[in-house]
C-alpha atoms as a PDB file:
ATOM      1  CA  MET A   1      36.824 122.009  63.939  1.00  0.00           C
ATOM      2  CA  ILE A   2      38.889 124.641  65.791  1.00  0.00           C
ATOM      3  CA  ASP A   3      40.899 125.353  62.646  1.00  0.00           C
ATOM      4  CA  GLN A   4      37.647 125.956  60.761  1.00  0.00           C
ATOM      5  CA  ILE A   5      36.416 128.380  63.425  1.00  0.00           C
ATOM      6  CA  LEU A   6      39.706 130.281  63.337  1.00  0.00           C
ATOM      7  CA  ASN A   7      39.632 130.431  59.543  1.00  0.00           C
ATOM      8  CA  LEU A   8      36.041 131.659  59.618  1.00  0.00           C
ATOM      9  CA  ALA A   9      36.899 134.352  62.163  1.00  0.00           C
ATOM     10  CA  ASP A  10      39.906 135.414  60.081  1.00  0.00           C
ATOM     11  CA  ALA A  11      37.720 135.627  56.973  1.00  0.00           C
ATOM     12  CA  GLY A  12      35.192 137.761  58.849  1.00  0.00           C
ATOM     13  CA  VAL A  13      37.860 140.207  60.024  1.00  0.00           C
ATOM     14  CA  ALA A  14      39.347 140.324  56.527  1.00  0.00           C
ATOM     15  CA  PHE A  15      35.911 141.172  55.102  1.00  0.00           C
ATOM     16  CA  LEU A  16      35.465 144.048  57.587  1.00  0.00           C
ATOM     17  CA  GLN A  17      39.019 145.173  56.855  1.00  0.00           C
ATOM     18  CA  THR A  18      38.318 145.425  53.111  1.00  0.00           C
ATOM     19  CA  GLU A  19      34.933 147.122  53.556  1.00  0.00           C
ATOM     20  CA  LEU A  20      36.273 149.708  55.993  1.00  0.00           C
ATOM     21  CA  TYR A  21      39.259 150.414  53.803  1.00  0.00           C
ATOM     22  CA  GLU A  22      37.368 150.727  50.521  1.00  0.00           C
ATOM     23  CA  HIS A  23      34.442 152.770  51.817  1.00  0.00           C
ATOM     24  CA  VAL A  24      36.037 154.922  54.531  1.00  0.00           C
ATOM     25  CA  VAL A  25      39.819 155.038  54.544  1.00  0.00           C
ATOM     26  CA  GLN A  26      40.648 155.019  50.835  1.00  0.00           C
ATOM     27  CA  PRO A  27      38.273 157.893  49.909  1.00  0.00           C
ATOM     28  CA  LEU A  28      39.735 160.011  52.718  1.00  0.00           C
ATOM     29  CA  PHE A  29      43.306 159.239  51.680  1.00  0.00           C
ATOM     30  CA  PHE A  30      42.496 160.041  48.060  1.00  0.00           C
ATOM     31  CA  ARG A  31      40.912 163.338  49.050  1.00  0.00           C
ATOM     32  CA  PHE A  32      43.867 164.484  51.153  1.00  0.00           C
ATOM     33  CA  GLY A  33      46.655 163.108  48.956  1.00  0.00           C
ATOM     34  CA  LEU A  34      47.771 160.368  51.343  1.00  0.00           C
ATOM     35  CA  MET A  35      47.622 157.399  48.981  1.00  0.00           C
ATOM     36  CA  GLY A  36      51.288 156.680  49.620  1.00  0.00           C
ATOM     37  CA  TYR A  37      50.241 155.246  52.988  1.00  0.00           C
ATOM     38  CA  ASP A  38      47.375 153.123  51.682  1.00  0.00           C
ATOM     39  CA  GLU A  39      49.051 149.689  51.765  1.00  0.00           C
ATOM     40  CA  ASP A  40      50.441 150.086  55.282  1.00  0.00           C
ATOM     41  CA  THR A  41      47.107 151.448  56.511  1.00  0.00           C
ATOM     42  CA  TYR A  42      45.237 148.516  55.023  1.00  0.00           C
ATOM     43  CA  ASP A  43      47.484 146.095  56.946  1.00  0.00           C
ATOM     44  CA  ALA A  44      47.059 148.100  60.163  1.00  0.00           C
ATOM     45  CA  LEU A  45      43.266 147.944  59.904  1.00  0.00           C
ATOM     46  CA  TYR A  46      43.370 144.217  60.678  1.00  0.00           C
ATOM     47  CA  MET A  47      44.765 144.906  64.149  1.00  0.00           C
ATOM     48  CA  VAL A  48      42.374 147.831  64.692  1.00  0.00           C
ATOM     49  CA  ILE A  49      39.338 145.660  63.922  1.00  0.00           C
ATOM     50  CA  VAL A  50      40.565 142.770  66.089  1.00  0.00           C
ATOM     51  CA  GLY A  51      41.233 145.240  68.915  1.00  0.00           C
ATOM     52  CA  ALA A  52      37.787 146.824  68.709  1.00  0.00           C
ATOM     53  CA  ILE A  53      36.087 143.413  68.678  1.00  0.00           C
ATOM     54  CA  GLN A  54      38.204 142.344  71.624  1.00  0.00           C
ATOM     55  CA  VAL A  55      37.251 145.385  73.729  1.00  0.00           C
ATOM     56  CA  LEU A  56      33.543 144.922  73.025  1.00  0.00           C
ATOM     57  CA  LEU A  57      33.592 141.179  73.751  1.00  0.00           C
ATOM     58  CA  THR A  58      35.645 141.634  76.924  1.00  0.00           C
ATOM     59  CA  PHE A  59      33.248 144.278  78.204  1.00  0.00           C
ATOM     60  CA  ALA A  60      30.187 142.214  77.284  1.00  0.00           C
ATOM     61  CA  LEU A  61      31.521 139.121  79.085  1.00  0.00           C
ATOM     62  CA  LEU A  62      33.263 140.583  82.131  1.00  0.00           C
ATOM     63  CA  ARG A  63      31.336 143.730  83.084  1.00  0.00           C
ATOM     64  CA  PRO A  64      28.148 141.786  83.962  1.00  0.00           C
ATOM     65  CA  LEU A  65      30.304 139.459  86.065  1.00  0.00           C
ATOM     66  CA  GLU A  66      31.743 142.441  87.970  1.00  0.00           C
ATOM     67  CA  ALA A  67      28.226 143.749  88.605  1.00  0.00           C
ATOM     68  CA  TRP A  68      26.907 140.327  89.655  1.00  0.00           C
ATOM     69  CA  ARG A  69      29.714 139.096  91.922  1.00  0.00           C
ATOM     70  CA  PRO A  70      31.991 142.054  92.775  1.00  0.00           C
ATOM     71  CA  LEU A  71      35.058 141.313  94.865  1.00  0.00           C
ATOM     72  CA  GLU A  72      35.143 144.906  96.091  1.00  0.00           C
ATOM     73  CA  ARG A  73      32.318 147.449  96.124  1.00  0.00           C
ATOM     74  CA  TRP A  74      33.353 150.983  95.212  1.00  0.00           C
ATOM     75  CA  THR A  75      31.484 154.171  95.972  1.00  0.00           C
ATOM     76  CA  GLU A  76      32.865 155.828  92.827  1.00  0.00           C
ATOM     77  CA  ARG A  77      34.718 154.707  89.703  1.00  0.00           C
ATOM     78  CA  LYS A  78      36.561 157.888  88.669  1.00  0.00           C
ATOM     79  CA  SER A  79      39.964 156.239  88.825  1.00  0.00           C
ATOM     80  CA  VAL A  80      38.869 153.651  86.265  1.00  0.00           C
ATOM     81  CA  ARG A  81      38.235 156.274  83.568  1.00  0.00           C
ATOM     82  CA  ALA A  82      41.916 156.567  82.718  1.00  0.00           C
ATOM     83  CA  ASP A  83      42.118 152.774  82.379  1.00  0.00           C
ATOM     84  CA  VAL A  84      39.286 152.823  79.832  1.00  0.00           C
ATOM     85  CA  ALA A  85      41.275 155.376  77.809  1.00  0.00           C
ATOM     86  CA  TYR A  86      44.414 153.207  78.032  1.00  0.00           C
ATOM     87  CA  THR A  87      42.420 150.223  76.798  1.00  0.00           C
ATOM     88  CA  TRP A  88      41.132 151.949  73.668  1.00  0.00           C
ATOM     89  CA  ILE A  89      44.537 153.485  72.904  1.00  0.00           C
ATOM     90  CA  ALA A  90      46.204 150.076  73.166  1.00  0.00           C
ATOM     91  CA  LYS A  91      43.544 147.936  71.522  1.00  0.00           C
ATOM     92  CA  LEU A  92      43.013 150.234  68.533  1.00  0.00           C
ATOM     93  CA  GLY A  93      46.717 150.028  67.801  1.00  0.00           C
ATOM     94  CA  LEU A  94      47.645 153.680  68.343  1.00  0.00           C
ATOM     95  CA  LEU A  95      50.823 152.659  70.158  1.00  0.00           C
ATOM     96  CA  ASN A  96      51.482 149.995  67.548  1.00  0.00           C
ATOM     97  CA  LEU A  97      51.371 152.742  64.927  1.00  0.00           C
ATOM     98  CA  ALA A  98      54.055 154.588  66.859  1.00  0.00           C
ATOM     99  CA  PHE A  99      55.983 151.328  67.074  1.00  0.00           C
ATOM    100  CA  PHE A 100      55.625 150.902  63.311  1.00  0.00           C
ATOM    101  CA  LEU A 101      56.977 154.372  62.592  1.00  0.00           C
ATOM    102  CA  ILE A 102      59.867 154.134  65.064  1.00  0.00           C
ATOM    103  CA  PHE A 103      60.997 150.514  64.961  1.00  0.00           C
ATOM    104  CA  GLN A 104      59.984 149.033  61.617  1.00  0.00           C
ATOM    105  CA  PRO A 105      63.120 150.280  59.778  1.00  0.00           C
ATOM    106  CA  LEU A 106      65.220 148.640  62.488  1.00  0.00           C
ATOM    107  CA  PHE A 107      63.341 145.336  62.130  1.00  0.00           C
ATOM    108  CA  PHE A 108      63.745 145.414  58.357  1.00  0.00           C
ATOM    109  CA  HIS A 109      67.475 145.904  58.952  1.00  0.00           C
ATOM    110  CA  TRP A 110      67.574 142.922  61.326  1.00  0.00           C
ATOM    111  CA  GLN A 111      65.719 140.760  58.821  1.00  0.00           C
ATOM    112  CA  THR A 112      68.231 141.765  56.145  1.00  0.00           C
ATOM    113  CA  LEU A 113      71.161 140.881  58.398  1.00  0.00           C
ATOM    114  CA  ILE A 114      69.593 137.507  59.222  1.00  0.00           C
ATOM    115  CA  ALA A 115      69.262 136.682  55.531  1.00  0.00           C
ATOM    116  CA  LEU A 116      72.636 138.162  54.548  1.00  0.00           C
ATOM    117  CA  TYR A 117      74.725 136.337  57.154  1.00  0.00           C
ATOM    118  CA  GLY A 118      72.648 133.174  57.280  1.00  0.00           C
ATOM    119  CA  ILE A 119      71.802 133.596  60.950  1.00  0.00           C
ATOM    120  CA  PRO A 120      69.592 130.625  61.855  1.00  0.00           C
ATOM    121  CA  ASN A 121      66.167 131.321  63.244  1.00  0.00           C
ATOM    122  CA  PHE A 122      64.084 128.844  65.160  1.00  0.00           C
ATOM    123  CA  GLU A 123      61.095 127.902  63.006  1.00  0.00           C
ATOM    124  CA  ILE A 124      58.794 126.220  65.519  1.00  0.00           C
ATOM    125  CA  ASP A 125      56.359 124.868  62.951  1.00  0.00           C
ATOM    126  CA  THR A 126      59.110 122.828  61.246  1.00  0.00           C
ATOM    127  CA  LEU A 127      60.177 120.918  64.367  1.00  0.00           C
ATOM    128  CA  TRP A 128      57.838 117.981  63.781  1.00  0.00           C
ATOM    129  CA  PRO A 129      56.373 117.920  60.264  1.00  0.00           C
ATOM    130  CA  GLY A 130      52.747 116.871  60.288  1.00  0.00           C
ATOM    131  CA  VAL A 131      52.303 117.953  63.922  1.00  0.00           C
ATOM    132  CA  THR A 132      53.907 121.306  64.756  1.00  0.00           C
ATOM    133  CA  ASP A 133      52.932 122.736  61.370  1.00  0.00           C
ATOM    134  CA  LYS A 134      49.244 122.388  62.244  1.00  0.00           C
ATOM    135  CA  PRO A 135      47.894 125.902  63.007  1.00  0.00           C
ATOM    136  CA  LEU A 136      46.486 125.059  66.443  1.00  0.00           C
ATOM    137  CA  VAL A 137      49.626 123.204  67.582  1.00  0.00           C
ATOM    138  CA  SER A 138      52.014 125.915  66.405  1.00  0.00           C
ATOM    139  CA  PHE A 139      49.757 128.560  67.965  1.00  0.00           C
ATOM    140  CA  CYS A 140      49.925 126.833  71.371  1.00  0.00           C
ATOM    141  CA  LEU A 141      53.707 126.461  71.106  1.00  0.00           C
ATOM    142  CA  TYR A 142      54.098 130.138  70.248  1.00  0.00           C
ATOM    143  CA  LEU A 143      51.866 131.035  73.185  1.00  0.00           C
ATOM    144  CA  VAL A 144      53.964 129.025  75.672  1.00  0.00           C
ATOM    145  CA  ILE A 145      57.281 130.384  74.369  1.00  0.00           C
ATOM    146  CA  LEU A 146      56.117 133.996  74.411  1.00  0.00           C
ATOM    147  CA  ASP A 147      54.598 133.490  77.868  1.00  0.00           C
ATOM    148  CA  PHE A 148      57.940 132.240  79.182  1.00  0.00           C
ATOM    149  CA  ALA A 149      59.574 135.367  77.755  1.00  0.00           C
ATOM    150  CA  GLY A 150      56.781 137.451  79.284  1.00  0.00           C
ATOM    151  CA  TYR A 151      57.472 136.017  82.729  1.00  0.00           C
ATOM    152  CA  TRP A 152      61.066 137.231  82.608  1.00  0.00           C
ATOM    153  CA  TYR A 153      60.150 140.573  81.102  1.00  0.00           C
ATOM    154  CA  HIS A 154      57.719 141.058  83.992  1.00  0.00           C
ATOM    155  CA  ARG A 155      60.335 140.147  86.597  1.00  0.00           C
ATOM    156  CA  TRP A 156      62.787 142.627  85.083  1.00  0.00           C
ATOM    157  CA  GLN A 157      60.136 145.335  85.311  1.00  0.00           C
ATOM    158  CA  HIS A 158      60.110 144.836  89.084  1.00  0.00           C
ATOM    159  CA  LYS A 159      63.827 144.358  89.613  1.00  0.00           C
ATOM    160  CA  PHE A 160      65.334 147.440  87.961  1.00  0.00           C
ATOM    161  CA  GLY A 161      64.511 150.806  89.496  1.00  0.00           C
ATOM    162  CA  VAL A 162      64.000 152.907  86.367  1.00  0.00           C
ATOM    163  CA  TRP A 163      61.987 150.160  84.735  1.00  0.00           C
ATOM    164  CA  TRP A 164      59.894 149.822  87.882  1.00  0.00           C
ATOM    165  CA  GLU A 165      58.943 153.500  87.745  1.00  0.00           C
ATOM    166  CA  LEU A 166      57.470 152.891  84.305  1.00  0.00           C
ATOM    167  CA  HIS A 167      55.695 149.728  85.443  1.00  0.00           C
ATOM    168  CA  ALA A 168      54.444 151.493  88.586  1.00  0.00           C
ATOM    169  CA  VAL A 169      51.871 153.212  86.377  1.00  0.00           C
ATOM    170  CA  HIS A 170      50.186 149.808  86.127  1.00  0.00           C
ATOM    171  CA  HIS A 171      50.480 148.978  89.821  1.00  0.00           C
ATOM    172  CA  SER A 172      49.285 152.358  91.079  1.00  0.00           C
ATOM    173  CA  GLN A 173      45.655 151.489  90.261  1.00  0.00           C
ATOM    174  CA  ARG A 174      43.995 150.612  93.572  1.00  0.00           C
ATOM    175  CA  GLN A 175      40.645 149.679  92.036  1.00  0.00           C
ATOM    176  CA  MET A 176      41.199 146.482  90.090  1.00  0.00           C
ATOM    177  CA  SER A 177      38.872 145.965  87.128  1.00  0.00           C
ATOM    178  CA  LEU A 178      38.639 144.444  83.671  1.00  0.00           C
ATOM    179  CA  TRP A 179      40.152 147.666  82.281  1.00  0.00           C
ATOM    180  CA  ASN A 180      43.465 147.500  84.200  1.00  0.00           C
ATOM    181  CA  ASP A 181      45.459 145.350  81.809  1.00  0.00           C
ATOM    182  CA  ASP A 182      46.433 148.142  79.385  1.00  0.00           C
ATOM    183  CA  ARG A 183      47.239 150.736  82.058  1.00  0.00           C
ATOM    184  CA  ASN A 184      50.958 151.023  81.256  1.00  0.00           C
ATOM    185  CA  HIS A 185      53.511 153.685  80.526  1.00  0.00           C
ATOM    186  CA  PHE A 186      53.745 154.231  76.785  1.00  0.00           C
ATOM    187  CA  VAL A 187      57.552 153.914  76.799  1.00  0.00           C
ATOM    188  CA  ASP A 188      57.267 150.535  78.492  1.00  0.00           C
ATOM    189  CA  THR A 189      54.591 149.469  75.997  1.00  0.00           C
ATOM    190  CA  LEU A 190      56.890 150.296  73.076  1.00  0.00           C
ATOM    191  CA  LEU A 191      59.759 148.369  74.695  1.00  0.00           C
ATOM    192  CA  GLN A 192      57.497 145.398  75.326  1.00  0.00           C
ATOM    193  CA  THR A 193      56.190 145.433  71.758  1.00  0.00           C
ATOM    194  CA  ALA A 194      59.741 145.475  70.375  1.00  0.00           C
ATOM    195  CA  PHE A 195      60.780 142.669  72.749  1.00  0.00           C
ATOM    196  CA  PHE A 196      57.979 140.295  71.735  1.00  0.00           C
ATOM    197  CA  ALA A 197      58.112 141.232  68.061  1.00  0.00           C
ATOM    198  CA  LEU A 198      61.817 140.363  67.944  1.00  0.00           C
ATOM    199  CA  ILE A 199      61.239 136.983  69.622  1.00  0.00           C
ATOM    200  CA  SER A 200      58.330 136.309  67.271  1.00  0.00           C
ATOM    201  CA  LEU A 201      60.566 137.105  64.306  1.00  0.00           C
ATOM    202  CA  PHE A 202      63.086 134.448  65.366  1.00  0.00           C
ATOM    203  CA  ILE A 203      60.555 131.685  66.055  1.00  0.00           C
ATOM    204  CA  GLY A 204      58.632 132.204  62.832  1.00  0.00           C
ATOM    205  CA  VAL A 205      55.343 133.739  63.969  1.00  0.00           C
ATOM    206  CA  GLU A 206      53.295 135.038  61.046  1.00  0.00           C
ATOM    207  CA  PRO A 207      51.938 138.619  61.370  1.00  0.00           C
ATOM    208  CA  THR A 208      48.288 137.521  61.528  1.00  0.00           C
ATOM    209  CA  GLN A 209      49.175 134.839  64.095  1.00  0.00           C
ATOM    210  CA  PHE A 210      50.942 137.494  66.160  1.00  0.00           C
ATOM    211  CA  VAL A 211      47.794 139.646  66.211  1.00  0.00           C
ATOM    212  CA  VAL A 212      45.696 136.694  67.420  1.00  0.00           C
ATOM    213  CA  LEU A 213      48.321 135.720  70.014  1.00  0.00           C
ATOM    214  CA  VAL A 214      48.251 139.255  71.409  1.00  0.00           C
ATOM    215  CA  ALA A 215      44.441 139.294  71.412  1.00  0.00           C
ATOM    216  CA  VAL A 216      44.186 135.974  73.289  1.00  0.00           C
ATOM    217  CA  SER A 217      46.823 137.035  75.799  1.00  0.00           C
ATOM    218  CA  ASN A 218      45.131 140.393  76.390  1.00  0.00           C
ATOM    219  CA  PHE A 219      41.735 138.795  76.997  1.00  0.00           C
ATOM    220  CA  PHE A 220      43.061 136.450  79.673  1.00  0.00           C
ATOM    221  CA  GLN A 221      44.961 139.309  81.296  1.00  0.00           C
ATOM    222  CA  SER A 222      41.710 141.293  81.469  1.00  0.00           C
ATOM    223  CA  VAL A 223      40.144 138.297  83.233  1.00  0.00           C
ATOM    224  CA  GLN A 224      43.026 138.301  85.737  1.00  0.00           C
ATOM    225  CA  HIS A 225      42.308 141.902  86.742  1.00  0.00           C
ATOM    226  CA  VAL A 226      38.523 141.553  86.921  1.00  0.00           C
ATOM    227  CA  ASN A 227      36.757 142.830  90.033  1.00  0.00           C
ATOM    228  CA  ALA A 228      34.687 139.700  90.498  1.00  0.00           C
ATOM    229  CA  ARG A 229      34.663 136.508  92.498  1.00  0.00           C
ATOM    230  CA  LEU A 230      35.853 133.995  89.962  1.00  0.00           C
ATOM    231  CA  PRO A 231      37.181 130.860  91.701  1.00  0.00           C
ATOM    232  CA  TYR A 232      39.365 128.652  89.512  1.00  0.00           C
ATOM    233  CA  GLY A 233      39.824 125.783  91.932  1.00  0.00           C
ATOM    234  CA  ARG A 234      43.069 124.087  92.901  1.00  0.00           C
ATOM    235  CA  VAL A 235      43.657 122.436  89.512  1.00  0.00           C
ATOM    236  CA  LEU A 236      42.683 125.176  87.057  1.00  0.00           C
ATOM    237  CA  GLU A 237      44.594 127.891  88.908  1.00  0.00           C
ATOM    238  CA  ARG A 238      47.776 125.874  88.365  1.00  0.00           C
ATOM    239  CA  LEU A 239      47.099 125.734  84.637  1.00  0.00           C
ATOM    240  CA  LEU A 240      46.111 129.374  84.106  1.00  0.00           C
ATOM    241  CA  VAL A 241      46.859 132.519  86.097  1.00  0.00           C
ATOM    242  CA  SER A 242      43.690 133.208  88.097  1.00  0.00           C
ATOM    243  CA  PRO A 243      42.376 136.575  89.345  1.00  0.00           C
ATOM    244  CA  ALA A 244      43.260 135.553  92.924  1.00  0.00           C
ATOM    245  CA  PHE A 245      46.814 134.586  91.903  1.00  0.00           C
ATOM    246  CA  HIS A 246      47.333 137.849  90.040  1.00  0.00           C
ATOM    247  CA  ARG A 247      45.711 139.979  92.740  1.00  0.00           C
ATOM    248  CA  ARG A 248      48.421 138.824  95.141  1.00  0.00           C
ATOM    249  CA  HIS A 249      50.906 140.276  92.663  1.00  0.00           C
ATOM    250  CA  HIS A 250      49.125 143.648  92.993  1.00  0.00           C
ATOM    251  CA  ALA A 251      48.732 143.472  96.788  1.00  0.00           C
ATOM    252  CA  ILE A 252      50.313 146.294  98.786  1.00  0.00           C
ATOM    253  CA  GLY A 253      53.444 145.065 100.512  1.00  0.00           C
ATOM    254  CA  TYR A 254      53.592 141.731  98.717  1.00  0.00           C
ATOM    255  CA  GLY A 255      53.366 141.590  94.966  1.00  0.00           C
ATOM    256  CA  HIS A 256      56.172 143.974  94.122  1.00  0.00           C
ATOM    257  CA  GLU A 257      58.000 144.096  97.451  1.00  0.00           C
ATOM    258  CA  GLY A 258      58.257 140.567  98.847  1.00  0.00           C
ATOM    259  CA  LEU A 259      60.384 137.708  97.517  1.00  0.00           C
ATOM    260  CA  HIS A 260      63.033 140.205  96.371  1.00  0.00           C
ATOM    261  CA  TYR A 261      60.729 142.429  94.315  1.00  0.00           C
ATOM    262  CA  GLY A 262      57.650 140.427  93.928  1.00  0.00           C
ATOM    263  CA  CYS A 263      55.747 137.243  93.369  1.00  0.00           C
ATOM    264  CA  ASN A 264      53.274 135.771  90.867  1.00  0.00           C
ATOM    265  CA  PHE A 265      54.808 137.262  87.727  1.00  0.00           C
ATOM    266  CA  GLY A 266      53.154 134.792  85.332  1.00  0.00           C
ATOM    267  CA  VAL A 267      51.399 136.426  82.388  1.00  0.00           C
ATOM    268  CA  LEU A 268      49.091 133.569  81.356  1.00  0.00           C
ATOM    269  CA  LEU A 269      50.653 130.480  82.879  1.00  0.00           C
ATOM    270  CA  PRO A 270      51.658 130.095  86.559  1.00  0.00           C
ATOM    271  CA  TRP A 271      54.099 127.338  85.565  1.00  0.00           C
ATOM    272  CA  TRP A 272      57.108 129.649  85.513  1.00  0.00           C
ATOM    273  CA  ASP A 273      56.356 130.986  89.003  1.00  0.00           C
ATOM    274  CA  MET A 274      56.087 127.402  90.205  1.00  0.00           C
ATOM    275  CA  LEU A 275      59.342 126.467  88.457  1.00  0.00           C
ATOM    276  CA  PHE A 276      61.345 129.463  89.699  1.00  0.00           C
ATOM    277  CA  ARG A 277      59.733 129.519  93.154  1.00  0.00           C
ATOM    278  CA  THR A 278      58.023 132.899  92.897  1.00  0.00           C
ATOM    279  CA  ALA A 279      54.483 131.526  93.269  1.00  0.00           C
ATOM    280  CA  VAL A 280      52.381 132.424  96.325  1.00  0.00           C
ATOM    281  CA  TRP A 281      49.013 130.677  96.595  1.00  0.00           C
ATOM    282  CA  THR A 282      46.623 132.702  98.694  1.00  0.00           C
ATOM    283  CA  ARG A 283      43.002 133.668  98.151  1.00  0.00           C
ATOM    284  CA  THR A 284      42.963 136.393 100.793  1.00  0.00           C
ATOM    285  CA  VAL A 285      41.449 139.605  99.410  1.00  0.00           C
ATOM    286  CA  GLU A 286      44.051 142.284 100.157  1.00  0.00           C
ATOM    287  CA  PRO A 287      44.247 145.994  99.264  1.00  0.00           C
ATOM    288  CA  THR A 288      46.044 146.638  96.004  1.00  0.00           C
ATOM    289  CA  GLY A 289      48.381 149.427  94.977  1.00  0.00           C
ATOM    290  CA  ILE A 290      51.837 150.632  96.008  1.00  0.00           C
ATOM    291  CA  ARG A 291      52.955 151.078  99.620  1.00  0.00           C
ATOM    292  CA  ASP A 292      53.969 154.731  99.298  1.00  0.00           C
ATOM    293  CA  GLN A 293      50.436 155.647  98.167  1.00  0.00           C
ATOM    294  CA  LEU A 294      49.315 155.135 101.776  1.00  0.00           C
ATOM    295  CA  PRO A 295      49.409 158.039 104.293  1.00  0.00           C
ATOM    296  CA  ASP A 296      52.485 157.822 106.515  1.00  0.00           C
ATOM    297  CA  GLY A 297      53.072 159.704 109.753  1.00  0.00           C
ATOM    298  CA  GLY A 298      50.345 162.208 109.081  1.00  0.00           C
ATOM    299  CA  MET A 299      51.666 162.898 105.587  1.00  0.00           C
ATOM    300  CA  PRO A 300      49.564 162.102 102.522  1.00  0.00           C
ATOM    301  CA  GLY A 301      50.679 159.267 100.320  1.00  0.00           C
ATOM    302  CA  ARG A 302      52.402 159.758  96.990  1.00  0.00           C
ATOM    303  CA  SER A 303      50.195 160.603  94.035  1.00  0.00           C
ATOM    304  CA  TYR A 304      50.714 158.659  90.826  1.00  0.00           C
ATOM    305  CA  GLY A 305      48.254 160.840  88.914  1.00  0.00           C
ATOM    306  CA  GLN A 306      44.589 160.496  88.033  1.00  0.00           C
ATOM    307  CA  GLY A 307      44.593 160.980  84.269  1.00  0.00           C
ATOM    308  CA  VAL A 308      46.633 159.407  81.493  1.00  0.00           C
ATOM    309  CA  ILE A 309      48.852 162.441  80.874  1.00  0.00           C
ATOM    310  CA  ALA A 310      49.553 162.977  84.584  1.00  0.00           C
ATOM    311  CA  GLN A 311      50.446 159.319  85.090  1.00  0.00           C
ATOM    312  CA  GLN A 312      52.812 159.341  82.122  1.00  0.00           C
ATOM    313  CA  TRP A 313      54.501 162.565  83.204  1.00  0.00           C
ATOM    314  CA  LEU A 314      54.866 161.681  86.888  1.00  0.00           C
ATOM    315  CA  ALA A 315      56.616 158.426  85.940  1.00  0.00           C
ATOM    316  CA  LEU A 316      59.244 160.410  84.015  1.00  0.00           C
ATOM    317  CA  GLN A 317      59.633 162.740  86.996  1.00  0.00           C
ATOM    318  CA  ARG A 318      60.218 159.768  89.308  1.00  0.00           C
ATOM    319  CA  ILE A 319      62.865 158.451  86.921  1.00  0.00           C
ATOM    320  CA  ALA A 320      64.597 161.836  86.877  1.00  0.00           C
ATOM    321  CA  ALA A 321      64.514 161.964  90.688  1.00  0.00           C
ATOM    322  CA  ARG A 322      66.166 158.548  90.865  1.00  0.00           C
ATOM    323  CA  GLY A 323      69.446 160.137  89.868  1.00  0.00           C
ATOM    324  CA  MET A 324      69.628 161.408  93.441  1.00  0.00           C
ATOM    325  CA  PHE A 325      69.164 157.964  95.024  1.00  0.00           C
ATOM    326  CA  SER A 326      70.867 154.618  94.643  1.00  0.00           C
ATOM    327  CA  ARG A 327      68.183 152.428  96.192  1.00  0.00           C
ATOM    328  CA  ARG A 328      64.473 151.831  95.690  1.00  0.00           C
ATOM    329  CA  PRO A 329      62.241 153.535  98.279  1.00  0.00           C
ATOM    330  CA  ASP A 330      60.677 150.209  99.260  1.00  0.00           C
ATOM    331  CA  GLU A 331      64.177 148.757  99.843  1.00  0.00           C
ATOM    332  CA  GLU A 332      64.787 151.392 102.485  1.00  0.00           C
ATOM    333  CA  ARG A 333      61.483 150.666 104.206  1.00  0.00           C
ATOM    334  CA  GLY A 334      62.070 146.935 104.217  1.00  0.00           C
ATOM    335  CA  THR A 335      59.870 144.232 102.803  1.00  0.00           C
ATOM    336  CA  PRO A 336      57.298 142.077 104.565  1.00  0.00           C
ATOM    337  CA  SER A 337      57.711 138.379 104.961  1.00  0.00           C
ATOM    338  CA  LEU A 338      55.672 136.130 102.711  1.00  0.00           C
END
């Protein structure tokens, strides 16, 4: 039944992909002499359509929930505007296009080396013929493996100073909402895309499966950031990362400062935090953001920028300034006990 639904959804996206390409993209390319890019553009349209559908569905499902049961009530929502822009940039594949132009030749080279030297790759769907080659089973296995990799990627973002300055763009949002998930520095997004694409290459993820895996992961991450009371209960919150669990990760003085640079790093599954003892189970609603955004001694807190361009540029400035220091600012201030 689930396989049939997935196949039907894939067929629907493929239909929209063909219609959009034939009636909009191809005539434009023909007019401006860009037909050399037609095949690659046709493939990219699949991700664009999935991304647009995902944004619309996420908004339709989660925005009413935020209005109905808000966790925090805000007097204004200006700071969320940049997050909306990040969401459309990410979901429509604009950064993936940059990734394609920059990294695809390198990936083709890696694939050639793998074939030339007989480097074994780990084909998950061949582990147990008749079981792991079923689409739903292989999809779940891919999801767990990539989530485990995502846990460590997330921990590294908090542990290394330069990397943290990129990731701080995400944590500097003090108004959590369904739009927060894609608020990231573009350099970090490109690194993350390359990281997961390389792992996917070695475990045998098909391109269309990869798009769906990303879409599913992104939806659940939007749920985690939602500004709504959404109790999971003691059992469910140990199976999936809940908004309360992830909010602790964003809490000032805890998420990225305690437990030696943070807690609750799980992307979709809290299992890895439980396994590596970085899980903190609390439902207390705490202010979110970064400690140095708060006023200190009569001085205003640090600004991380209001718009997309400012946030991207200030992160690079912080990285450049790090050459003058050997320690993270929050190390010098100390970290609170969890």
